[in-house]
């Protein structure tokens, strides 16, 4: 019944810090829509951002900054991403490590965003 993911929502404490991280470090695009709404776009997906305490309705039952655990596939080599993270002063929590992605083996790095969400960035294990 489900064909693909269109978007998901992250509740964030500091919108500017979130935009700086996801756009400035990970290369996503900021999108403004509706009445003051903000999202992060990449590929054909997006992440809608809700400010903690000012979430768009309807919302999850317990929106909390830092409760996310997300995995993104890279369009650059993992080693290049690792160098970019180091240049941006982003600490790698773990990796590179072998993991299992949605369609097969991946190699991953784990980092944290400004809200302490766990962010896994990965490439197919053959890349």
PDB file of N, CA and C in Angstrom:
ATOM      1  N   UNK A   1       0.813  -1.193   0.000  1.00  0.00           N
ATOM      2  CA  UNK A   1       0.000   0.000   0.000  1.00  0.00           C
ATOM      3  C   UNK A   1       0.864   1.268   0.000  1.00  0.00           C
ATOM      4  N   UNK A   2       1.971   1.305   0.746  1.00  0.00           N
ATOM      5  CA  UNK A   2       2.831   2.486   0.806  1.00  0.00           C
ATOM      6  C   UNK A   2       3.867   2.398  -0.310  1.00  0.00           C
ATOM      7  N   UNK A   3       4.027   3.481  -1.056  1.00  0.00           N
ATOM      8  CA  UNK A   3       4.971   3.486  -2.182  1.00  0.00           C
ATOM      9  C   UNK A   3       6.312   4.126  -1.834  1.00  0.00           C
ATOM     10  N   UNK A   4       6.315   5.203  -1.043  1.00  0.00           N
ATOM     11  CA  UNK A   4       7.565   5.877  -0.718  1.00  0.00           C
ATOM     12  C   UNK A   4       7.322   6.871   0.410  1.00  0.00           C
ATOM     13  N   UNK A   5       8.406   7.465   0.886  1.00  0.00           N
ATOM     14  CA  UNK A   5       8.332   8.497   1.916  1.00  0.00           C
ATOM     15  C   UNK A   5       8.303   9.861   1.240  1.00  0.00           C
ATOM     16  N   UNK A   6       7.333  10.688   1.576  1.00  0.00           N
ATOM     17  CA  UNK A   6       7.256  12.049   1.042  1.00  0.00           C
ATOM     18  C   UNK A   6       8.012  13.018   1.951  1.00  0.00           C
ATOM     19  N   UNK A   7       7.675  13.020   3.239  1.00  0.00           N
ATOM     20  CA  UNK A   7       8.353  13.885   4.193  1.00  0.00           C
ATOM     21  C   UNK A   7       8.208  13.299   5.589  1.00  0.00           C
ATOM     22  N   UNK A   8       9.020  13.806   6.484  1.00  0.00           N
ATOM     23  CA  UNK A   8       8.893  13.509   7.899  1.00  0.00           C
ATOM     24  C   UNK A   8       9.066  14.817   8.636  1.00  0.00           C
ATOM     25  N   UNK A   9       8.837  14.804   9.939  1.00  0.00           N
ATOM     26  CA  UNK A   9       8.896  16.033  10.731  1.00  0.00           C
ATOM     27  C   UNK A   9       9.925  15.875  11.845  1.00  0.00           C
ATOM     28  N   UNK A  10      10.741  16.897  12.028  1.00  0.00           N
ATOM     29  CA  UNK A  10      11.629  16.986  13.181  1.00  0.00           C
ATOM     30  C   UNK A  10      11.197  18.174  14.025  1.00  0.00           C
ATOM     31  N   UNK A  11      11.083  17.963  15.311  1.00  0.00           N
ATOM     32  CA  UNK A  11      10.842  19.051  16.244  1.00  0.00           C
ATOM     33  C   UNK A  11      12.205  19.557  16.690  1.00  0.00           C
ATOM     34  N   UNK A  12      12.422  20.862  16.587  1.00  0.00           N
ATOM     35  CA  UNK A  12      13.745  21.432  16.848  1.00  0.00           C
ATOM     36  C   UNK A  12      13.667  22.541  17.888  1.00  0.00           C
ATOM     37  N   UNK A  13      14.743  22.674  18.654  1.00  0.00           N
ATOM     38  CA  UNK A  13      14.816  23.728  19.664  1.00  0.00           C
ATOM     39  C   UNK A  13      15.245  25.053  19.052  1.00  0.00           C
ATOM     40  N   UNK A  14      16.172  25.000  18.089  1.00  0.00           N
ATOM     41  CA  UNK A  14      16.747  26.218  17.517  1.00  0.00           C
ATOM     42  C   UNK A  14      16.733  26.092  15.997  1.00  0.00           C
ATOM     43  N   UNK A  15      15.796  26.762  15.368  1.00  0.00           N
ATOM     44  CA  UNK A  15      15.628  26.656  13.917  1.00  0.00           C
ATOM     45  C   UNK A  15      16.881  27.090  13.167  1.00  0.00           C
ATOM     46  N   UNK A  16      17.505  28.181  13.581  1.00  0.00           N
ATOM     47  CA  UNK A  16      18.701  28.666  12.885  1.00  0.00           C
ATOM     48  C   UNK A  16      19.844  27.660  12.965  1.00  0.00           C
ATOM     49  N   UNK A  17      20.069  27.065  14.135  1.00  0.00           N
ATOM     50  CA  UNK A  17      21.133  26.066  14.286  1.00  0.00           C
ATOM     51  C   UNK A  17      20.831  24.837  13.429  1.00  0.00           C
ATOM     52  N   UNK A  18      19.561  24.452  13.371  1.00  0.00           N
ATOM     53  CA  UNK A  18      19.164  23.303  12.555  1.00  0.00           C
ATOM     54  C   UNK A  18      19.418  23.577  11.083  1.00  0.00           C
ATOM     55  N   UNK A  19      19.031  24.759  10.610  1.00  0.00           N
ATOM     56  CA  UNK A  19      19.258  25.118   9.206  1.00  0.00           C
ATOM     57  C   UNK A  19      20.748  25.183   8.889  1.00  0.00           C
ATOM     58  N   UNK A  20      21.533  25.738   9.791  1.00  0.00           N
ATOM     59  CA  UNK A  20      22.975  25.817   9.567  1.00  0.00           C
ATOM     60  C   UNK A  20      23.577  24.423   9.430  1.00  0.00           C
ATOM     61  N   UNK A  21      23.146  23.495  10.251  1.00  0.00           N
ATOM     62  CA  UNK A  21      23.684  22.137  10.209  1.00  0.00           C
ATOM     63  C   UNK A  21      23.249  21.401   8.940  1.00  0.00           C
ATOM     64  N   UNK A  22      21.944  21.324   8.722  1.00  0.00           N
ATOM     65  CA  UNK A  22      21.453  20.515   7.604  1.00  0.00           C
ATOM     66  C   UNK A  22      21.748  21.144   6.240  1.00  0.00           C
ATOM     67  N   UNK A  23      21.701  22.470   6.151  1.00  0.00           N
ATOM     68  CA  UNK A  23      21.989  23.138   4.876  1.00  0.00           C
ATOM     69  C   UNK A  23      23.486  23.378   4.717  1.00  0.00           C
ATOM     70  N   UNK A  24      24.111  23.954   5.736  1.00  0.00           N
ATOM     71  CA  UNK A  24      25.516  24.309   5.641  1.00  0.00           C
ATOM     72  C   UNK A  24      26.459  23.120   5.672  1.00  0.00           C
ATOM     73  N   UNK A  25      26.160  22.117   6.486  1.00  0.00           N
ATOM     74  CA  UNK A  25      27.051  20.962   6.626  1.00  0.00           C
ATOM     75  C   UNK A  25      26.627  19.818   5.701  1.00  0.00           C
ATOM     76  N   UNK A  26      25.337  19.468   5.700  1.00  0.00           N
ATOM     77  CA  UNK A  26      24.895  18.307   4.920  1.00  0.00           C
ATOM     78  C   UNK A  26      24.412  18.663   3.510  1.00  0.00           C
ATOM     79  N   UNK A  27      24.286  19.939   3.192  1.00  0.00           N
ATOM     80  CA  UNK A  27      23.966  20.342   1.830  1.00  0.00           C
ATOM     81  C   UNK A  27      22.503  20.253   1.429  1.00  0.00           C
ATOM     82  N   UNK A  28      21.592  20.201   2.408  1.00  0.00           N
ATOM     83  CA  UNK A  28      20.161  20.226   2.071  1.00  0.00           C
ATOM     84  C   UNK A  28      19.769  21.648   1.705  1.00  0.00           C
ATOM     85  N   UNK A  29      18.571  21.809   1.163  1.00  0.00           N
ATOM     86  CA  UNK A  29      18.067  23.126   0.767  1.00  0.00           C
ATOM     87  C   UNK A  29      16.952  23.568   1.714  1.00  0.00           C
ATOM     88  N   UNK A  30      17.000  24.823   2.120  1.00  0.00           N
ATOM     89  CA  UNK A  30      15.925  25.396   2.933  1.00  0.00           C
ATOM     90  C   UNK A  30      14.736  25.721   2.031  1.00  0.00           C
ATOM     91  N   UNK A  31      13.545  25.346   2.472  1.00  0.00           N
ATOM     92  CA  UNK A  31      12.310  25.626   1.740  1.00  0.00           C
ATOM     93  C   UNK A  31      11.348  26.302   2.702  1.00  0.00           C
ATOM     94  N   UNK A  32      10.807  27.427   2.281  1.00  0.00           N
ATOM     95  CA  UNK A  32       9.775  28.132   3.065  1.00  0.00           C
ATOM     96  C   UNK A  32       8.447  27.928   2.353  1.00  0.00           C
ATOM     97  N   UNK A  33       7.401  27.638   3.109  1.00  0.00           N
ATOM     98  CA  UNK A  33       6.091  27.402   2.497  1.00  0.00           C
ATOM     99  C   UNK A  33       4.997  27.733   3.503  1.00  0.00           C
ATOM    100  N   UNK A  34       3.757  27.771   3.010  1.00  0.00           N
ATOM    101  CA  UNK A  34       2.623  28.054   3.887  1.00  0.00           C
ATOM    102  C   UNK A  34       2.819  29.362   4.620  1.00  0.00           C
ATOM    103  N   UNK A  35       2.324  29.403   5.827  1.00  0.00           N
ATOM    104  CA  UNK A  35       2.420  30.604   6.651  1.00  0.00           C
ATOM    105  C   UNK A  35       3.570  30.462   7.639  1.00  0.00           C
ATOM    106  N   UNK A  36       4.783  30.740   7.147  1.00  0.00           N
ATOM    107  CA  UNK A  36       5.951  30.697   8.013  1.00  0.00           C
ATOM    108  C   UNK A  36       6.530  29.324   8.271  1.00  0.00           C
ATOM    109  N   UNK A  37       6.134  28.333   7.498  1.00  0.00           N
ATOM    110  CA  UNK A  37       6.650  26.977   7.687  1.00  0.00           C
ATOM    111  C   UNK A  37       8.000  26.835   7.007  1.00  0.00           C
ATOM    112  N   UNK A  38       8.818  25.942   7.548  1.00  0.00           N
ATOM    113  CA  UNK A  38      10.177  25.736   7.046  1.00  0.00           C
ATOM    114  C   UNK A  38      10.428  24.243   6.899  1.00  0.00           C
ATOM    115  N   UNK A  39      11.133  23.875   5.823  1.00  0.00           N
ATOM    116  CA  UNK A  39      11.496  22.482   5.591  1.00  0.00           C
ATOM    117  C   UNK A  39      12.912  22.409   5.045  1.00  0.00           C
ATOM    118  N   UNK A  40      13.464  21.218   5.098  1.00  0.00           N
ATOM    119  CA  UNK A  40      14.749  20.887   4.500  1.00  0.00           C
ATOM    120  C   UNK A  40      14.474  19.963   3.333  1.00  0.00           C
ATOM    121  N   UNK A  41      14.938  20.322   2.136  1.00  0.00           N
ATOM    122  CA  UNK A  41      14.684  19.504   0.953  1.00  0.00           C
ATOM    123  C   UNK A  41      15.981  18.844   0.498  1.00  0.00           C
ATOM    124  N   UNK A  42      15.837  17.622   0.009  1.00  0.00           N
ATOM    125  CA  UNK A  42      16.957  16.864  -0.567  1.00  0.00           C
ATOM    126  C   UNK A  42      16.340  15.786  -1.443  1.00  0.00           C
ATOM    127  N   UNK A  43      16.936  15.582  -2.631  1.00  0.00           N
ATOM    128  CA  UNK A  43      16.336  14.621  -3.558  1.00  0.00           C
ATOM    129  C   UNK A  43      14.882  14.978  -3.805  1.00  0.00           C
ATOM    130  N   UNK A  44      13.995  14.012  -3.674  1.00  0.00           N
ATOM    131  CA  UNK A  44      12.556  14.261  -3.836  1.00  0.00           C
ATOM    132  C   UNK A  44      11.828  14.139  -2.493  1.00  0.00           C
ATOM    133  N   UNK A  45      12.580  14.309  -1.401  1.00  0.00           N
ATOM    134  CA  UNK A  45      11.998  14.235  -0.069  1.00  0.00           C
ATOM    135  C   UNK A  45      12.213  15.559   0.657  1.00  0.00           C
ATOM    136  N   UNK A  46      11.543  15.671   1.806  1.00  0.00           N
ATOM    137  CA  UNK A  46      11.792  16.830   2.648  1.00  0.00           C
ATOM    138  C   UNK A  46      11.559  16.467   4.106  1.00  0.00           C
ATOM    139  N   UNK A  47      12.142  17.298   4.953  1.00  0.00           N
ATOM    140  CA  UNK A  47      11.930  17.211   6.395  1.00  0.00           C
ATOM    141  C   UNK A  47      11.287  18.526   6.810  1.00  0.00           C
ATOM    142  N   UNK A  48      10.049  18.462   7.288  1.00  0.00           N
ATOM    143  CA  UNK A  48       9.405  19.662   7.809  1.00  0.00           C
ATOM    144  C   UNK A  48       9.951  19.906   9.209  1.00  0.00           C
ATOM    145  N   UNK A  49      10.201  21.166   9.526  1.00  0.00           N
ATOM    146  CA  UNK A  49      10.732  21.525  10.830  1.00  0.00           C
ATOM    147  C   UNK A  49       9.651  22.195  11.669  1.00  0.00           C
ATOM    148  N   UNK A  50       9.465  21.700  12.873  1.00  0.00           N
ATOM    149  CA  UNK A  50       8.548  22.306  13.825  1.00  0.00           C
ATOM    150  C   UNK A  50       9.367  22.860  14.984  1.00  0.00           C
ATOM    151  N   UNK A  51       9.132  24.119  15.313  1.00  0.00           N
ATOM    152  CA  UNK A  51       9.795  24.698  16.485  1.00  0.00           C
ATOM    153  C   UNK A  51       9.148  24.110  17.738  1.00  0.00           C
ATOM    154  N   UNK A  52       9.963  23.636  18.679  1.00  0.00           N
ATOM    155  CA  UNK A  52       9.446  23.087  19.930  1.00  0.00           C
ATOM    156  C   UNK A  52       8.573  24.121  20.626  1.00  0.00           C
ATOM    157  N   UNK A  53       7.378  23.715  20.988  1.00  0.00           N
ATOM    158  CA  UNK A  53       6.435  24.617  21.640  1.00  0.00           C
ATOM    159  C   UNK A  53       5.551  25.379  20.686  1.00  0.00           C
ATOM    160  N   UNK A  54       5.852  25.326  19.391  1.00  0.00           N
ATOM    161  CA  UNK A  54       5.053  26.020  18.371  1.00  0.00           C
ATOM    162  C   UNK A  54       4.845  25.084  17.177  1.00  0.00           C
ATOM    163  N   UNK A  55       4.544  23.834  17.467  1.00  0.00           N
ATOM    164  CA  UNK A  55       4.397  22.827  16.420  1.00  0.00           C
ATOM    165  C   UNK A  55       3.135  23.067  15.593  1.00  0.00           C
ATOM    166  N   UNK A  56       3.197  22.640  14.344  1.00  0.00           N
ATOM    167  CA  UNK A  56       2.051  22.703  13.448  1.00  0.00           C
ATOM    168  C   UNK A  56       1.095  21.582  13.835  1.00  0.00           C
ATOM    169  N   UNK A  57      -0.205  21.836  13.809  1.00  0.00           N
ATOM    170  CA  UNK A  57      -1.209  20.822  14.143  1.00  0.00           C
ATOM    171  C   UNK A  57      -1.725  20.148  12.885  1.00  0.00           C
ATOM    172  N   UNK A  58      -2.037  18.885  12.913  1.00  0.00           N
ATOM    173  CA  UNK A  58      -1.795  17.983  14.032  1.00  0.00           C
ATOM    174  C   UNK A  58      -0.329  17.615  14.137  1.00  0.00           C
ATOM    175  N   UNK A  59       0.062  17.122  15.299  1.00  0.00           N
ATOM    176  CA  UNK A  59       1.457  16.771  15.552  1.00  0.00           C
ATOM    177  C   UNK A  59       1.518  15.450  16.298  1.00  0.00           C
ATOM    178  N   UNK A  60       2.733  14.933  16.468  1.00  0.00           N
ATOM    179  CA  UNK A  60       2.885  13.702  17.237  1.00  0.00           C
ATOM    180  C   UNK A  60       2.424  13.938  18.669  1.00  0.00           C
ATOM    181  N   UNK A  61       2.173  12.876  19.382  1.00  0.00           N
ATOM    182  CA  UNK A  61       1.667  12.995  20.747  1.00  0.00           C
ATOM    183  C   UNK A  61       2.688  13.616  21.689  1.00  0.00           C
ATOM    184  N   UNK A  62       3.976  13.375  21.436  1.00  0.00           N
ATOM    185  CA  UNK A  62       5.023  13.867  22.330  1.00  0.00           C
ATOM    186  C   UNK A  62       6.202  14.427  21.534  1.00  0.00           C
ATOM    187  N   UNK A  63       5.991  15.551  20.817  1.00  0.00           N
ATOM    188  CA  UNK A  63       7.084  16.105  20.011  1.00  0.00           C
ATOM    189  C   UNK A  63       8.227  16.566  20.909  1.00  0.00           C
ATOM    190  N   UNK A  64       9.419  16.059  20.609  1.00  0.00           N
ATOM    191  CA  UNK A  64      10.569  16.326  21.460  1.00  0.00           C
ATOM    192  C   UNK A  64      11.826  16.528  20.621  1.00  0.00           C
ATOM    193  N   UNK A  65      12.518  17.654  20.768  1.00  0.00           N
ATOM    194  CA  UNK A  65      13.799  17.794  20.085  1.00  0.00           C
ATOM    195  C   UNK A  65      14.764  16.697  20.541  1.00  0.00           C
ATOM    196  N   UNK A  66      15.503  16.147  19.601  1.00  0.00           N
ATOM    197  CA  UNK A  66      16.513  15.155  19.940  1.00  0.00           C
ATOM    198  C   UNK A  66      16.030  13.725  20.011  1.00  0.00           C
ATOM    199  N   UNK A  67      14.814  13.448  19.576  1.00  0.00           N
ATOM    200  CA  UNK A  67      14.297  12.076  19.657  1.00  0.00           C
ATOM    201  C   UNK A  67      14.403  11.324  18.334  1.00  0.00           C
ATOM    202  N   UNK A  68      15.023  11.950  17.314  1.00  0.00           N
ATOM    203  CA  UNK A  68      15.114  11.324  15.997  1.00  0.00           C
ATOM    204  C   UNK A  68      16.364  10.481  15.815  1.00  0.00           C
ATOM    205  N   UNK A  69      16.257   9.516  14.940  1.00  0.00           N
ATOM    206  CA  UNK A  69      17.366   8.641  14.546  1.00  0.00           C
ATOM    207  C   UNK A  69      17.176   8.412  13.058  1.00  0.00           C
ATOM    208  N   UNK A  70      17.949   9.141  12.226  1.00  0.00           N
ATOM    209  CA  UNK A  70      17.724   9.169  10.786  1.00  0.00           C
ATOM    210  C   UNK A  70      18.946   8.679  10.031  1.00  0.00           C
ATOM    211  N   UNK A  71      18.721   8.044   8.896  1.00  0.00           N
ATOM    212  CA  UNK A  71      19.809   7.609   8.030  1.00  0.00           C
ATOM    213  C   UNK A  71      19.615   8.217   6.652  1.00  0.00           C
ATOM    214  N   UNK A  72      20.674   8.862   6.149  1.00  0.00           N
ATOM    215  CA  UNK A  72      20.664   9.471   4.824  1.00  0.00           C
ATOM    216  C   UNK A  72      21.709   8.810   3.947  1.00  0.00           C
ATOM    217  N   UNK A  73      21.372   8.619   2.667  1.00  0.00           N
ATOM    218  CA  UNK A  73      22.326   8.098   1.697  1.00  0.00           C
ATOM    219  C   UNK A  73      23.048   9.261   1.041  1.00  0.00           C
ATOM    220  N   UNK A  74      24.351   9.142   0.909  1.00  0.00           N
ATOM    221  CA  UNK A  74      25.193  10.185   0.334  1.00  0.00           C
ATOM    222  C   UNK A  74      25.290  10.059  -1.184  1.00  0.00           C
ATOM    223  N   UNK A  75      25.581  11.187  -1.842  1.00  0.00           N
ATOM    224  CA  UNK A  75      25.885  11.138  -3.280  1.00  0.00           C
ATOM    225  C   UNK A  75      27.363  11.453  -3.515  1.00  0.00           C
ATOM    226  N   UNK A  76      28.164  11.367  -2.444  1.00  0.00           N
ATOM    227  CA  UNK A  76      29.613  11.526  -2.508  1.00  0.00           C
ATOM    228  C   UNK A  76      30.235  10.350  -1.753  1.00  0.00           C
ATOM    229  N   UNK A  77      31.511  10.066  -1.965  1.00  0.00           N
ATOM    230  CA  UNK A  77      32.157   8.989  -1.217  1.00  0.00           C
ATOM    231  C   UNK A  77      32.141   9.262   0.293  1.00  0.00           C
ATOM    232  N   UNK A  78      32.075   8.209   1.077  1.00  0.00           N
ATOM    233  CA  UNK A  78      32.035   8.343   2.528  1.00  0.00           C
ATOM    234  C   UNK A  78      33.265   9.075   3.061  1.00  0.00           C
ATOM    235  N   UNK A  79      34.428   8.813   2.460  1.00  0.00           N
ATOM    236  CA  UNK A  79      35.660   9.467   2.899  1.00  0.00           C
ATOM    237  C   UNK A  79      35.616  10.980   2.655  1.00  0.00           C
ATOM    238  N   UNK A  80      34.989  11.393   1.565  1.00  0.00           N
ATOM    239  CA  UNK A  80      34.829  12.822   1.301  1.00  0.00           C
ATOM    240  C   UNK A  80      33.897  13.459   2.326  1.00  0.00           C
ATOM    241  N   UNK A  81      32.821  12.759   2.654  1.00  0.00           N
ATOM    242  CA  UNK A  81      31.904  13.256   3.679  1.00  0.00           C
ATOM    243  C   UNK A  81      32.622  13.373   5.015  1.00  0.00           C
ATOM    244  N   UNK A  82      33.440  12.390   5.338  1.00  0.00           N
ATOM    245  CA  UNK A  82      34.187  12.406   6.591  1.00  0.00           C
ATOM    246  C   UNK A  82      35.115  13.625   6.645  1.00  0.00           C
ATOM    247  N   UNK A  83      35.780  13.936   5.546  1.00  0.00           N
ATOM    248  CA  UNK A  83      36.661  15.108   5.486  1.00  0.00           C
ATOM    249  C   UNK A  83      35.863  16.403   5.635  1.00  0.00           C
ATOM    250  N   UNK A  84      34.698  16.481   4.987  1.00  0.00           N
ATOM    251  CA  UNK A  84      33.860  17.680   5.106  1.00  0.00           C
ATOM    252  C   UNK A  84      33.380  17.878   6.537  1.00  0.00           C
ATOM    253  N   UNK A  85      32.997  16.789   7.189  1.00  0.00           N
ATOM    254  CA  UNK A  85      32.555  16.875   8.581  1.00  0.00           C
ATOM    255  C   UNK A  85      33.689  17.381   9.467  1.00  0.00           C
ATOM    256  N   UNK A  86      34.871  16.843   9.267  1.00  0.00           N
ATOM    257  CA  UNK A  86      36.031  17.276  10.058  1.00  0.00           C
ATOM    258  C   UNK A  86      36.299  18.765   9.836  1.00  0.00           C
ATOM    259  N   UNK A  87      36.229  19.217   8.585  1.00  0.00           N
ATOM    260  CA  UNK A  87      36.465  20.625   8.266  1.00  0.00           C
ATOM    261  C   UNK A  87      35.423  21.527   8.922  1.00  0.00           C
ATOM    262  N   UNK A  88      34.200  21.010   9.107  1.00  0.00           N
ATOM    263  CA  UNK A  88      33.122  21.783   9.729  1.00  0.00           C
ATOM    264  C   UNK A  88      33.132  21.659  11.251  1.00  0.00           C
ATOM    265  N   UNK A  89      34.077  20.874  11.782  1.00  0.00           N
ATOM    266  CA  UNK A  89      34.155  20.707  13.228  1.00  0.00           C
ATOM    267  C   UNK A  89      33.102  19.774  13.800  1.00  0.00           C
ATOM    268  N   UNK A  90      32.548  18.905  12.962  1.00  0.00           N
ATOM    269  CA  UNK A  90      31.518  17.960  13.402  1.00  0.00           C
ATOM    270  C   UNK A  90      32.190  16.668  13.849  1.00  0.00           C
ATOM    271  N   UNK A  91      31.949  16.263  15.080  1.00  0.00           N
ATOM    272  CA  UNK A  91      32.532  15.037  15.618  1.00  0.00           C
ATOM    273  C   UNK A  91      31.812  13.812  15.076  1.00  0.00           C
ATOM    274  N   UNK A  92      32.588  12.812  14.716  1.00  0.00           N
ATOM    275  CA  UNK A  92      32.010  11.535  14.293  1.00  0.00           C
ATOM    276  C   UNK A  92      31.897  10.661  15.530  1.00  0.00           C
ATOM    277  N   UNK A  93      30.683  10.239  15.820  1.00  0.00           N
ATOM    278  CA  UNK A  93      30.426   9.433  17.003  1.00  0.00           C
ATOM    279  C   UNK A  93      30.850   7.986  16.799  1.00  0.00           C
ATOM    280  N   UNK A  94      30.658   7.499  15.574  1.00  0.00           N
ATOM    281  CA  UNK A  94      31.045   6.129  15.259  1.00  0.00           C
ATOM    282  C   UNK A  94      31.227   6.002  13.754  1.00  0.00           C
ATOM    283  N   UNK A  95      32.155   5.161  13.349  1.00  0.00           N
ATOM    284  CA  UNK A  95      32.299   4.863  11.949  1.00  0.00           C
ATOM    285  C   UNK A  95      33.633   5.280  11.380  1.00  0.00           C
ATOM    286  N   UNK A  96      33.832   4.836  10.147  1.00  0.00           N
ATOM    287  CA  UNK A  96      32.901   4.084   9.302  1.00  0.00           C
ATOM    288  C   UNK A  96      32.675   2.656   9.825  1.00  0.00           C
ATOM    289  N   UNK A  97      31.424   2.234   9.738  1.00  0.00           N
ATOM    290  CA  UNK A  97      31.011   0.903  10.173  1.00  0.00           C
ATOM    291  C   UNK A  97      30.081   0.293   9.134  1.00  0.00           C
ATOM    292  N   UNK A  98      30.067  -1.035   9.094  1.00  0.00           N
ATOM    293  CA  UNK A  98      29.160  -1.762   8.199  1.00  0.00           C
ATOM    294  C   UNK A  98      27.788  -1.864   8.854  1.00  0.00           C
ATOM    295  N   UNK A  99      26.758  -1.599   8.068  1.00  0.00           N
ATOM    296  CA  UNK A  99      25.372  -1.693   8.538  1.00  0.00           C
ATOM    297  C   UNK A  99      24.523  -2.298   7.436  1.00  0.00           C
ATOM    298  N   UNK A 100      23.249  -2.500   7.732  1.00  0.00           N
ATOM    299  CA  UNK A 100      22.304  -2.995   6.737  1.00  0.00           C
ATOM    300  C   UNK A 100      21.294  -1.897   6.454  1.00  0.00           C
ATOM    301  N   UNK A 101      21.238  -1.442   5.195  1.00  0.00           N
ATOM    302  CA  UNK A 101      20.289  -0.415   4.795  1.00  0.00           C
ATOM    303  C   UNK A 101      19.002  -1.042   4.285  1.00  0.00           C
ATOM    304  N   UNK A 102      18.142  -0.209   3.748  1.00  0.00           N
ATOM    305  CA  UNK A 102      16.843  -0.676   3.258  1.00  0.00           C
ATOM    306  C   UNK A 102      16.964  -1.640   2.084  1.00  0.00           C
ATOM    307  N   UNK A 103      17.998  -1.472   1.261  1.00  0.00           N
ATOM    308  CA  UNK A 103      18.123  -2.330   0.074  1.00  0.00           C
ATOM    309  C   UNK A 103      19.419  -3.142   0.051  1.00  0.00           C
ATOM    310  N   UNK A 104      20.164  -3.134   1.155  1.00  0.00           N
ATOM    311  CA  UNK A 104      21.379  -3.933   1.198  1.00  0.00           C
ATOM    312  C   UNK A 104      22.428  -3.348   2.108  1.00  0.00           C
ATOM    313  N   UNK A 105      23.653  -3.895   2.043  1.00  0.00           N
ATOM    314  CA  UNK A 105      24.726  -3.449   2.924  1.00  0.00           C
ATOM    315  C   UNK A 105      25.130  -1.999   2.651  1.00  0.00           C
ATOM    316  N   UNK A 106      25.426  -1.274   3.722  1.00  0.00           N
ATOM    317  CA  UNK A 106      25.892   0.109   3.638  1.00  0.00           C
ATOM    318  C   UNK A 106      27.086   0.287   4.564  1.00  0.00           C
ATOM    319  N   UNK A 107      27.857   1.358   4.308  1.00  0.00           N
ATOM    320  CA  UNK A 107      28.916   1.804   5.212  1.00  0.00           C
ATOM    321  C   UNK A 107      28.479   3.154   5.754  1.00  0.00           C
ATOM    322  N   UNK A 108      28.607   3.325   7.066  1.00  0.00           N
ATOM    323  CA  UNK A 108      28.008   4.489   7.709  1.00  0.00           C
ATOM    324  C   UNK A 108      28.935   5.221   8.656  1.00  0.00           C
ATOM    325  N   UNK A 109      28.651   6.522   8.793  1.00  0.00           N
ATOM    326  CA  UNK A 109      29.208   7.379   9.836  1.00  0.00           C
ATOM    327  C   UNK A 109      28.043   7.863  10.685  1.00  0.00           C
ATOM    328  N   UNK A 110      28.253   7.999  11.985  1.00  0.00           N
ATOM    329  CA  UNK A 110      27.220   8.512  12.884  1.00  0.00           C
ATOM    330  C   UNK A 110      27.669   9.839  13.469  1.00  0.00           C
ATOM    331  N   UNK A 111      26.779  10.837  13.388  1.00  0.00           N
ATOM    332  CA  UNK A 111      27.025  12.163  13.943  1.00  0.00           C
ATOM    333  C   UNK A 111      25.767  12.603  14.687  1.00  0.00           C
ATOM    334  N   UNK A 112      25.827  13.752  15.325  1.00  0.00           N
ATOM    335  CA  UNK A 112      24.668  14.332  16.026  1.00  0.00           C
ATOM    336  C   UNK A 112      24.352  15.695  15.437  1.00  0.00           C
ATOM    337  N   UNK A 113      23.056  15.997  15.324  1.00  0.00           N
ATOM    338  CA  UNK A 113      22.659  17.334  14.884  1.00  0.00           C
ATOM    339  C   UNK A 113      22.570  18.253  16.107  1.00  0.00           C
ATOM    340  N   UNK A 114      22.210  19.534  15.935  1.00  0.00           N
ATOM    341  CA  UNK A 114      22.190  20.456  17.076  1.00  0.00           C
ATOM    342  C   UNK A 114      21.236  20.056  18.205  1.00  0.00           C
ATOM    343  N   UNK A 115      20.226  19.223  17.917  1.00  0.00           N
ATOM    344  CA  UNK A 115      19.302  18.765  18.958  1.00  0.00           C
ATOM    345  C   UNK A 115      19.695  17.406  19.524  1.00  0.00           C
ATOM    346  N   UNK A 116      20.845  16.882  19.109  1.00  0.00           N
ATOM    347  CA  UNK A 116      21.337  15.560  19.509  1.00  0.00           C
ATOM    348  C   UNK A 116      20.584  14.410  18.860  1.00  0.00           C
ATOM    349  N   UNK A 117      19.852  14.675  17.763  1.00  0.00           N
ATOM    350  CA  UNK A 117      19.323  13.565  16.981  1.00  0.00           C
ATOM    351  C   UNK A 117      20.503  12.778  16.449  1.00  0.00           C
ATOM    352  N   UNK A 118      20.373  11.455  16.379  1.00  0.00           N
ATOM    353  CA  UNK A 118      21.427  10.623  15.796  1.00  0.00           C
ATOM    354  C   UNK A 118      21.255  10.637  14.283  1.00  0.00           C
ATOM    355  N   UNK A 119      22.294  11.035  13.583  1.00  0.00           N
ATOM    356  CA  UNK A 119      22.270  11.116  12.121  1.00  0.00           C
ATOM    357  C   UNK A 119      23.284  10.144  11.558  1.00  0.00           C
ATOM    358  N   UNK A 120      22.805   9.207  10.768  1.00  0.00           N
ATOM    359  CA  UNK A 120      23.656   8.223  10.094  1.00  0.00           C
ATOM    360  C   UNK A 120      23.754   8.654   8.637  1.00  0.00           C
ATOM    361  N   UNK A 121      24.972   8.799   8.145  1.00  0.00           N
ATOM    362  CA  UNK A 121      25.167   9.112   6.724  1.00  0.00           C
ATOM    363  C   UNK A 121      25.912   7.937   6.114  1.00  0.00           C
ATOM    364  N   UNK A 122      25.426   7.482   4.957  1.00  0.00           N
ATOM    365  CA  UNK A 122      25.850   6.189   4.436  1.00  0.00           C
ATOM    366  C   UNK A 122      26.025   6.165   2.934  1.00  0.00           C
ATOM    367  N   UNK A 123      26.773   5.160   2.502  1.00  0.00           N
ATOM    368  CA  UNK A 123      26.921   4.833   1.084  1.00  0.00           C
ATOM    369  C   UNK A 123      26.709   3.319   0.947  1.00  0.00           C
ATOM    370  N   UNK A 124      26.265   2.875  -0.227  1.00  0.00           N
ATOM    371  CA  UNK A 124      26.205   1.427  -0.438  1.00  0.00           C
ATOM    372  C   UNK A 124      27.576   0.806  -0.179  1.00  0.00           C
ATOM    373  N   UNK A 125      27.610  -0.388   0.369  1.00  0.00           N
ATOM    374  CA  UNK A 125      28.864  -1.015   0.752  1.00  0.00           C
ATOM    375  C   UNK A 125      29.786  -1.215  -0.455  1.00  0.00           C
ATOM    376  N   UNK A 126      29.254  -1.213  -1.644  1.00  0.00           N
ATOM    377  CA  UNK A 126      30.057  -1.384  -2.854  1.00  0.00           C
ATOM    378  C   UNK A 126      30.691  -0.088  -3.320  1.00  0.00           C
ATOM    379  N   UNK A 127      30.255   1.063  -2.735  1.00  0.00           N
ATOM    380  CA  UNK A 127      30.769   2.380  -3.168  1.00  0.00           C
ATOM    381  C   UNK A 127      32.075   2.718  -2.501  1.00  0.00           C
TER     382      UNK A 127
END
